[in-house]
Amino acid sequence: MPHRLGGVRPGTFTAMSPHPACAARHWDGSPRTTPTRRPLRVAATSPSRLVRAGQSGRCRLCGNRIDFYQRADQRPIALHPAELATAQVPASCRWHVSRGIAHPHGDGSAWCHILHRVLCPRRTPTDRLTPAVEEMRRRLAVRSRRLIDTGTFTPAAPTPAGEPPSSRGRPVVQLLLGRYLAQTPIEDIRCVAQTRHRHRCPQPVLPPNAPQGVWTLLPTSPQRGQLALPAALMAVYDLSRLPYAEQLRWRTQRCPDHAATPGAADLALAGWQVFDPLLHAVHIHTRLPHATPDRRGKA
């Protein structure tokens, strides 16, 4: 007589009742936790809206790394990524970063930042340097030569201070009681804010239905601290007639939607430069641009 195991014949199987699947648990019964995604927002009291991720680049002259920051007047500045001992840096070359803003002096600590142009081996220093800074310049020169020899980097031709490699078609804009040189033509100025998908906003600062400035001829009068040129008229895109809020939107380089969202961060620096008639003489035009149907901004 065959032996039975617990009342079940050898070689036979019984169907087991399946456990119902639970959406809140994994297959082994452990709890399933889904982290809640929280959108990043900039605090209302923050002096800088710039997201630090992605604000590094390479010097177009030497190929070494630089970090971009904003100054208190919102102008960009390129600093060396590593901090140096304060005692080894001349007092006129010391910078410190506080809450995302770069300040041109030390903060009393033993470490400080330094301008990249002071260390750039392809620039002539204007300050008296210490032996430690000179040694850093030599190291960056060796690294730059290595990048050039390996074909990783090709140095650009030197241009006047503050000018990018491509400087054609850049208008002079008047807003907030000052004049600025735009990085691109008026219709190509793009919003710098971060979208919900953490990409840069593709919308222009000048949408079709937004208030527009007017092209006009104004004297090339220098601002405080700038050298004067012979009196002449130049074409300026005048935004000074717009309300203060609209001028501030242009200065912060935001589209109307992100101007109404103060918590949205910035993924790029605003592409404005304080206009200097001497340094930016190539951008001075004595005639108004011709109005075309496909270009916004009336002449």
Foldseek 3Di string as FASTA:
>chain_A
DDDDDVNHGPPDDDDDDDDDDDPQADPVRHGDDDDDDDFAWDDPPQQAQEDQPPQKDADLAQRDIWGWAAASVLDIFTWDPDKDFPVQFDQQFFWAADSRHIDRGDPPDRITIGGVLCLDLVHDHPDDHGPVSVVSSVVSNVVSVVCVVVVNHDHDDDAFPPDDPDDPQWAWEDFPNAIKTFPHHQQCQAAQWADRVRDGHRDFQDDPPDDFFAWDWDWPAFDPPADDDPTAIFIYRYPHPPDNLSRVCVVQGHHPVVSVVNTTGGHDRGRIDGDGCVRVVVNTHRDYDDDDPVDPHYD
